[in-house]
Protein backbone atom coordinates (compact mmCIF):
# COMPACT_ATOMS: atom_id res chain seq x y z
CA UNK A 1 61.97 13.43 26.10
CA UNK A 2 61.99 10.43 23.94
CA UNK A 3 64.52 7.74 24.82
CA UNK A 4 66.26 6.01 21.97
CA UNK A 5 66.27 2.23 22.04
CA UNK A 6 69.76 0.89 22.46
CA UNK A 7 70.65 -2.21 20.64
CA UNK A 8 72.42 -4.76 22.72
CA UNK A 9 75.93 -5.28 21.55
CA UNK A 10 76.53 -8.87 20.55
CA UNK A 11 79.23 -10.84 22.15
CA UNK A 12 81.41 -13.43 20.43
CA UNK A 13 80.00 -16.89 20.32
CA UNK A 14 81.34 -19.57 22.62
CA UNK A 15 80.16 -23.13 23.00
CA UNK A 16 78.42 -22.27 26.23
CA UNK A 17 76.70 -19.21 24.83
CA UNK A 18 75.60 -21.11 21.74
CA UNK A 19 74.14 -23.87 23.93
CA UNK A 20 72.27 -21.40 26.04
CA UNK A 21 70.94 -19.74 22.87
CA UNK A 22 69.78 -23.11 21.62
CA UNK A 23 67.91 -23.83 24.90
CA UNK A 24 66.36 -20.40 24.78
CA UNK A 25 65.24 -20.95 21.23
CA UNK A 26 63.64 -24.37 22.06
CA UNK A 27 61.86 -22.86 24.99
CA UNK A 28 60.06 -20.54 22.63
CA UNK A 29 59.69 -22.64 19.43
CA UNK A 30 59.31 -26.24 18.47
CA UNK A 31 62.11 -27.10 15.96
CA UNK A 32 63.53 -29.86 13.90
CA UNK A 33 67.25 -30.72 14.30
CA UNK A 34 68.09 -29.16 10.86
CA UNK A 35 66.21 -25.95 11.67
CA UNK A 36 68.00 -25.54 14.98
CA UNK A 37 71.30 -26.24 13.24
CA UNK A 38 70.48 -23.45 10.76
CA UNK A 39 69.52 -20.99 13.57
CA UNK A 40 72.78 -21.67 15.38
CA UNK A 41 74.68 -21.46 12.11
CA UNK A 42 73.37 -17.93 11.55
CA UNK A 43 74.48 -16.94 15.01
CA UNK A 44 77.89 -18.35 14.40
CA UNK A 45 78.15 -16.52 11.03
CA UNK A 46 77.17 -13.25 12.63
CA UNK A 47 79.79 -13.74 15.23
CA UNK A 48 82.40 -14.57 12.69
CA UNK A 49 81.60 -11.48 10.78
CA UNK A 50 81.56 -9.17 13.81
CA UNK A 51 84.12 -10.74 16.05
CA UNK A 52 86.28 -12.96 13.89
CA UNK A 53 84.98 -16.23 15.47
CA UNK A 54 86.21 -19.35 13.68
CA UNK A 55 83.27 -20.36 11.58
CA UNK A 56 84.30 -24.01 11.22
CA UNK A 57 84.76 -24.41 14.99
CA UNK A 58 81.35 -22.72 15.60
CA UNK A 59 79.70 -25.04 13.06
CA UNK A 60 81.24 -28.04 14.95
CA UNK A 61 79.81 -26.69 18.21
CA UNK A 62 76.35 -26.33 16.61
CA UNK A 63 76.53 -29.93 15.35
CA UNK A 64 77.55 -31.16 18.77
CA UNK A 65 74.80 -29.19 20.47
CA UNK A 66 72.14 -30.55 18.12
CA UNK A 67 73.47 -34.13 18.58
CA UNK A 68 73.41 -33.69 22.36
CA UNK A 69 69.86 -32.32 22.37
CA UNK A 70 68.77 -35.11 20.13
CA UNK A 71 70.26 -37.76 22.39
CA UNK A 72 68.60 -36.19 25.46
CA UNK A 73 65.19 -36.06 23.72
CA UNK A 74 64.98 -32.31 23.42
CA UNK A 75 64.86 -32.56 19.70
CA UNK A 76 62.66 -35.24 18.08
CA UNK A 77 62.08 -34.76 14.40
CA UNK A 78 59.33 -37.40 14.23
CA UNK A 79 57.29 -35.85 17.04
CA UNK A 80 57.88 -32.37 15.63
CA UNK A 81 56.72 -33.43 12.13
CA UNK A 82 53.46 -35.01 13.47
CA UNK A 83 52.71 -32.06 15.76
CA UNK A 84 53.46 -29.50 13.12
CA UNK A 85 51.40 -31.45 10.50
CA UNK A 86 48.38 -31.44 12.80
CA UNK A 87 48.81 -27.79 13.59
CA UNK A 88 49.10 -26.81 9.86
CA UNK A 89 46.05 -28.92 9.03
CA UNK A 90 43.99 -27.12 11.67
CA UNK A 91 45.07 -23.83 10.07
CA UNK A 92 43.68 -24.92 6.76
CA UNK A 93 46.86 -26.17 5.02
CA UNK A 94 46.56 -29.13 2.77
CA UNK A 95 48.83 -32.18 2.72
CA UNK A 96 51.00 -30.68 -0.12
CA UNK A 97 51.60 -27.49 1.72
CA UNK A 98 52.26 -29.37 5.02
CA UNK A 99 54.89 -31.49 3.21
CA UNK A 100 56.52 -28.44 1.71
CA UNK A 101 56.68 -26.67 5.06
CA UNK A 102 58.20 -29.68 6.80
CA UNK A 103 60.79 -30.08 3.99
CA UNK A 104 61.64 -26.47 4.44
CA UNK A 105 62.27 -27.01 8.10
CA UNK A 106 64.67 -29.79 7.30
CA UNK A 107 62.55 -32.85 8.21
CA UNK A 108 63.52 -35.97 6.46
CA UNK A 109 61.26 -37.35 3.71
CA UNK A 110 60.29 -40.60 5.52
CA UNK A 111 59.28 -38.62 8.63
CA UNK A 112 57.16 -36.34 6.47
CA UNK A 113 55.46 -39.37 4.98
CA UNK A 114 54.80 -40.79 8.43
CA UNK A 115 53.27 -37.51 9.68
CA UNK A 116 51.02 -37.35 6.65
CA UNK A 117 50.02 -41.04 7.16
CA UNK A 118 49.15 -40.16 10.77
CA UNK A 119 46.90 -37.42 9.45
CA UNK A 120 45.25 -39.99 7.24
CA UNK A 121 44.57 -42.13 10.27
CA UNK A 122 43.23 -39.24 12.27
CA UNK A 123 41.00 -37.70 9.59
CA UNK A 124 38.77 -39.45 7.11
CA UNK A 125 40.01 -37.11 4.40
CA UNK A 126 42.82 -34.82 5.47
CA UNK A 127 42.76 -32.72 2.30
CA UNK A 128 38.94 -32.12 2.64
CA UNK A 129 39.28 -31.36 6.31
CA UNK A 130 42.01 -28.78 5.62
CA UNK A 131 39.98 -27.28 2.80
CA UNK A 132 36.95 -26.98 5.03
CA UNK A 133 39.00 -25.26 7.69
CA UNK A 134 40.54 -22.94 5.05
CA UNK A 135 37.07 -22.07 3.72
CA UNK A 136 35.71 -21.50 7.20
CA UNK A 137 38.57 -19.06 8.03
CA UNK A 138 38.18 -17.30 4.68
CA UNK A 139 34.36 -17.40 4.72
CA UNK A 140 34.12 -19.33 1.46
CA UNK A 141 31.38 -21.51 0.17
CA UNK A 142 28.79 -22.48 2.74
CA UNK A 143 30.78 -20.55 5.41
CA UNK A 144 30.23 -17.19 3.66
CA UNK A 145 27.19 -15.05 3.34
CA UNK A 146 24.43 -16.75 1.24
CA UNK A 147 23.69 -13.78 -0.83
CA UNK A 148 25.67 -13.76 -4.17
CA UNK A 149 27.22 -17.17 -3.52
CA UNK A 150 26.95 -18.26 -7.18
CA UNK A 151 28.67 -15.03 -8.25
CA UNK A 152 31.62 -15.83 -5.97
CA UNK A 153 32.04 -19.48 -7.06
CA UNK A 154 35.00 -18.98 -9.50
CA UNK A 155 36.87 -16.73 -7.09
CA UNK A 156 36.40 -19.14 -4.25
CA UNK A 157 37.61 -22.05 -6.33
CA UNK A 158 40.63 -20.01 -7.39
CA UNK A 159 41.31 -19.17 -3.69
CA UNK A 160 41.27 -22.79 -2.71
CA UNK A 161 43.39 -23.66 -5.73
CA UNK A 162 46.00 -21.08 -4.79
CA UNK A 163 46.09 -22.57 -1.28
CA UNK A 164 47.16 -25.90 -2.80
CA UNK A 165 43.87 -27.83 -2.89
CA UNK A 166 42.86 -30.05 -5.82
CA UNK A 167 40.05 -28.86 -8.06
CA UNK A 168 37.93 -31.76 -6.90
CA UNK A 169 38.22 -30.95 -3.18
CA UNK A 170 37.77 -27.20 -3.86
CA UNK A 171 34.65 -27.93 -5.86
CA UNK A 172 33.24 -30.13 -3.08
CA UNK A 173 33.70 -27.38 -0.51
CA UNK A 174 32.51 -24.41 -2.62
CA UNK A 175 29.46 -26.29 -3.93
CA UNK A 176 28.43 -27.85 -0.55
CA UNK A 177 24.87 -27.19 0.33
CA UNK A 178 25.74 -26.26 3.88
CA UNK A 179 28.49 -26.47 6.53
CA UNK A 180 26.54 -29.33 8.02
CA UNK A 181 26.69 -31.26 4.82
CA UNK A 182 30.53 -30.91 4.79
CA UNK A 183 30.74 -31.98 8.41
CA UNK A 184 28.76 -35.11 7.47
CA UNK A 185 31.41 -35.76 4.83
CA UNK A 186 34.08 -35.60 7.44
CA UNK A 187 32.15 -37.58 10.08
CA UNK A 188 34.03 -40.92 9.50
CA UNK A 189 36.91 -39.77 11.69
CA UNK A 190 36.43 -36.92 14.15
CA UNK A 191 37.93 -33.89 12.45
CA UNK A 192 39.73 -30.74 13.40
CA UNK A 193 38.16 -29.60 16.64
CA UNK A 194 35.49 -30.69 19.07
CA UNK A 195 32.21 -29.48 17.75
CA UNK A 196 32.87 -29.90 14.05
CA UNK A 197 34.84 -28.07 11.49
């Protein structure tokens, strides 16, 4: 006999419930202040729709909770931006994609610039490091099978271009003789992970 899943009935939002929800969210995810405010705002809007909660009062609660968490150090947009930028670079995202992602999460422009500058200090060429990681994950250029490499050149350049990398960087990656040659290009600052690209 198959049991049907029961959906938990939502309860109206109160300041205490909203604060507990915010703490629970931060236990699971890193977040910027603006992103947490959006998450709490959605919860308030759902409660207003289902239970008639005062949306303006709920928004004020969300603002107060975000301010409280920021004062206590639970939210730090600068630290979030730098950590998220490093994580995205390791995933193979270039600086432009990183900046767009951080903007989408509500991080201020000057904090995005500082996070990208920190990447510039940590990596000899952040865009090349990200492109190498992207190529490694997608098995492009020297990371792919050697047979038919010349035939795949245009597709691989297009793939890197769609991922947001400049033509010059994409060409350097796709036309690299070997993964070791790319690693030598990155050797000025130790890149990505121990043991190379």
